[in-house]
């Protein structure tokens, strides 16, 4: 019985989605192209009151670049430390084998 109910609800869902919606909000949710209205155009215009808060200099770009470089340096340093520890451990194992075989 539950199987039939599930089939019926799935069928009704597919029917409701197949109908063409007349509501413009449904169209915008489906990401179909709709030309912006007067209000949307006004919201997208540049506001002179907010101009002083925008960064036109490259200082933000430089800070981002420095952060990227520092991240790369830290990751490279960590990889180097892991490599050095692995090499030192291998050398210690070789010395331990040589001393245990020689004794």
C-alpha atoms as a PDB file:
ATOM      1  CA  UNK A   1       0.000   0.000   0.000  1.00  0.00           C
ATOM      2  CA  UNK A   2       2.818   2.382   0.885  1.00  0.00           C
ATOM      3  CA  UNK A   3       4.450   1.591  -2.457  1.00  0.00           C
ATOM      4  CA  UNK A   4       1.321   2.744  -4.298  1.00  0.00           C
ATOM      5  CA  UNK A   5       1.189   5.961  -2.271  1.00  0.00           C
ATOM      6  CA  UNK A   6       4.825   6.711  -3.035  1.00  0.00           C
ATOM      7  CA  UNK A   7       4.178   6.121  -6.738  1.00  0.00           C
ATOM      8  CA  UNK A   8       1.136   8.379  -6.681  1.00  0.00           C
ATOM      9  CA  UNK A   9       2.947  11.240  -4.943  1.00  0.00           C
ATOM     10  CA  UNK A  10       5.881  10.953  -7.331  1.00  0.00           C
ATOM     11  CA  UNK A  11       3.476  11.052 -10.280  1.00  0.00           C
ATOM     12  CA  UNK A  12       1.658  14.117  -8.921  1.00  0.00           C
ATOM     13  CA  UNK A  13       4.989  15.878  -8.330  1.00  0.00           C
ATOM     14  CA  UNK A  14       6.087  15.215 -11.881  1.00  0.00           C
ATOM     15  CA  UNK A  15       2.786  16.574 -13.171  1.00  0.00           C
ATOM     16  CA  UNK A  16       3.049  19.770 -11.125  1.00  0.00           C
ATOM     17  CA  UNK A  17       6.594  20.389 -12.373  1.00  0.00           C
ATOM     18  CA  UNK A  18       5.728  19.756 -15.984  1.00  0.00           C
ATOM     19  CA  UNK A  19       3.169  22.571 -16.112  1.00  0.00           C
ATOM     20  CA  UNK A  20       4.476  25.902 -17.355  1.00  0.00           C
ATOM     21  CA  UNK A  21       4.547  28.444 -14.526  1.00  0.00           C
ATOM     22  CA  UNK A  22       3.079  31.879 -15.175  1.00  0.00           C
ATOM     23  CA  UNK A  23       4.493  33.382 -11.978  1.00  0.00           C
ATOM     24  CA  UNK A  24       7.614  35.533 -12.616  1.00  0.00           C
ATOM     25  CA  UNK A  25       9.025  34.569  -9.210  1.00  0.00           C
ATOM     26  CA  UNK A  26       9.021  30.919 -10.235  1.00  0.00           C
ATOM     27  CA  UNK A  27      10.883  31.855 -13.415  1.00  0.00           C
ATOM     28  CA  UNK A  28      13.541  33.770 -11.481  1.00  0.00           C
ATOM     29  CA  UNK A  29      14.032  30.845  -9.104  1.00  0.00           C
ATOM     30  CA  UNK A  30      14.670  28.649 -12.099  1.00  0.00           C
ATOM     31  CA  UNK A  31      17.369  31.123 -13.165  1.00  0.00           C
ATOM     32  CA  UNK A  32      15.859  31.956 -16.500  1.00  0.00           C
ATOM     33  CA  UNK A  33      16.915  35.298 -17.900  1.00  0.00           C
ATOM     34  CA  UNK A  34      14.651  38.150 -16.895  1.00  0.00           C
ATOM     35  CA  UNK A  35      15.591  41.729 -17.663  1.00  0.00           C
ATOM     36  CA  UNK A  36      16.056  43.778 -14.468  1.00  0.00           C
ATOM     37  CA  UNK A  37      13.398  46.325 -13.684  1.00  0.00           C
ATOM     38  CA  UNK A  38      13.801  49.940 -12.616  1.00  0.00           C
ATOM     39  CA  UNK A  39      14.319  49.040  -8.954  1.00  0.00           C
ATOM     40  CA  UNK A  40      16.965  46.423  -9.720  1.00  0.00           C
ATOM     41  CA  UNK A  41      18.820  48.840 -11.992  1.00  0.00           C
ATOM     42  CA  UNK A  42      18.759  51.482  -9.250  1.00  0.00           C
ATOM     43  CA  UNK A  43      20.166  48.983  -6.756  1.00  0.00           C
ATOM     44  CA  UNK A  44      22.973  48.008  -9.133  1.00  0.00           C
ATOM     45  CA  UNK A  45      24.095  51.590  -9.749  1.00  0.00           C
ATOM     46  CA  UNK A  46      27.211  52.850  -7.993  1.00  0.00           C
ATOM     47  CA  UNK A  47      26.465  54.719  -4.779  1.00  0.00           C
ATOM     48  CA  UNK A  48      28.716  57.759  -4.180  1.00  0.00           C
ATOM     49  CA  UNK A  49      28.171  57.523  -0.402  1.00  0.00           C
ATOM     50  CA  UNK A  50      29.810  54.086  -0.359  1.00  0.00           C
ATOM     51  CA  UNK A  51      32.724  55.093  -2.564  1.00  0.00           C
ATOM     52  CA  UNK A  52      34.998  55.928   0.386  1.00  0.00           C
ATOM     53  CA  UNK A  53      34.685  52.375   1.731  1.00  0.00           C
ATOM     54  CA  UNK A  54      35.932  50.780  -1.474  1.00  0.00           C
ATOM     55  CA  UNK A  55      39.587  50.036  -1.902  1.00  0.00           C
ATOM     56  CA  UNK A  56      40.848  51.266  -5.222  1.00  0.00           C
ATOM     57  CA  UNK A  57      44.473  50.807  -4.229  1.00  0.00           C
ATOM     58  CA  UNK A  58      46.362  47.596  -4.692  1.00  0.00           C
ATOM     59  CA  UNK A  59      46.958  47.283  -0.961  1.00  0.00           C
ATOM     60  CA  UNK A  60      44.291  44.609  -0.563  1.00  0.00           C
ATOM     61  CA  UNK A  61      45.750  42.695  -3.495  1.00  0.00           C
ATOM     62  CA  UNK A  62      49.232  42.933  -1.955  1.00  0.00           C
ATOM     63  CA  UNK A  63      48.015  41.684   1.422  1.00  0.00           C
ATOM     64  CA  UNK A  64      46.325  38.719  -0.263  1.00  0.00           C
ATOM     65  CA  UNK A  65      49.485  37.978  -2.228  1.00  0.00           C
ATOM     66  CA  UNK A  66      51.600  38.147   0.945  1.00  0.00           C
ATOM     67  CA  UNK A  67      49.188  35.766   2.658  1.00  0.00           C
ATOM     68  CA  UNK A  68      49.474  33.326  -0.247  1.00  0.00           C
ATOM     69  CA  UNK A  69      53.273  33.512  -0.174  1.00  0.00           C
ATOM     70  CA  UNK A  70      53.379  33.004   3.588  1.00  0.00           C
ATOM     71  CA  UNK A  71      51.064  30.016   3.287  1.00  0.00           C
ATOM     72  CA  UNK A  72      53.324  28.445   0.677  1.00  0.00           C
ATOM     73  CA  UNK A  73      56.418  29.104   2.824  1.00  0.00           C
ATOM     74  CA  UNK A  74      54.810  27.533   5.899  1.00  0.00           C
ATOM     75  CA  UNK A  75      53.652  24.460   3.972  1.00  0.00           C
ATOM     76  CA  UNK A  76      57.087  24.068   2.386  1.00  0.00           C
ATOM     77  CA  UNK A  77      58.724  24.377   5.818  1.00  0.00           C
ATOM     78  CA  UNK A  78      56.432  21.723   7.263  1.00  0.00           C
ATOM     79  CA  UNK A  79      57.177  19.376   4.378  1.00  0.00           C
ATOM     80  CA  UNK A  80      60.906  19.961   4.841  1.00  0.00           C
ATOM     81  CA  UNK A  81      60.681  19.221   8.569  1.00  0.00           C
ATOM     82  CA  UNK A  82      58.793  15.985   7.886  1.00  0.00           C
ATOM     83  CA  UNK A  83      61.424  14.992   5.325  1.00  0.00           C
ATOM     84  CA  UNK A  84      64.302  15.747   7.732  1.00  0.00           C
ATOM     85  CA  UNK A  85      62.663  13.740  10.523  1.00  0.00           C
ATOM     86  CA  UNK A  86      62.147  10.781   8.185  1.00  0.00           C
ATOM     87  CA  UNK A  87      65.778  10.880   7.002  1.00  0.00           C
ATOM     88  CA  UNK A  88      67.099  11.178  10.568  1.00  0.00           C
ATOM     89  CA  UNK A  89      64.931   8.270  11.704  1.00  0.00           C
ATOM     90  CA  UNK A  90      66.179   6.114   8.804  1.00  0.00           C
ATOM     91  CA  UNK A  91      69.799   6.963   9.613  1.00  0.00           C
ATOM     92  CA  UNK A  92      69.195   6.110  13.281  1.00  0.00           C
ATOM     93  CA  UNK A  93      67.755   2.736  12.241  1.00  0.00           C
ATOM     94  CA  UNK A  94      70.766   2.025  10.051  1.00  0.00           C
ATOM     95  CA  UNK A  95      73.145   2.902  12.884  1.00  0.00           C
ATOM     96  CA  UNK A  96      71.189   0.743  15.308  1.00  0.00           C
ATOM     97  CA  UNK A  97      71.392  -2.226  12.901  1.00  0.00           C
ATOM     98  CA  UNK A  98      75.111  -1.673  12.352  1.00  0.00           C
ATOM     99  CA  UNK A  99      75.848  -1.521  16.082  1.00  0.00           C
ATOM    100  CA  UNK A 100      73.670  -4.537  16.869  1.00  0.00           C
ATOM    101  CA  UNK A 101      75.294  -6.589  14.098  1.00  0.00           C
ATOM    102  CA  UNK A 102      78.814  -5.466  14.982  1.00  0.00           C
ATOM    103  CA  UNK A 103      78.473  -6.174  18.703  1.00  0.00           C
END
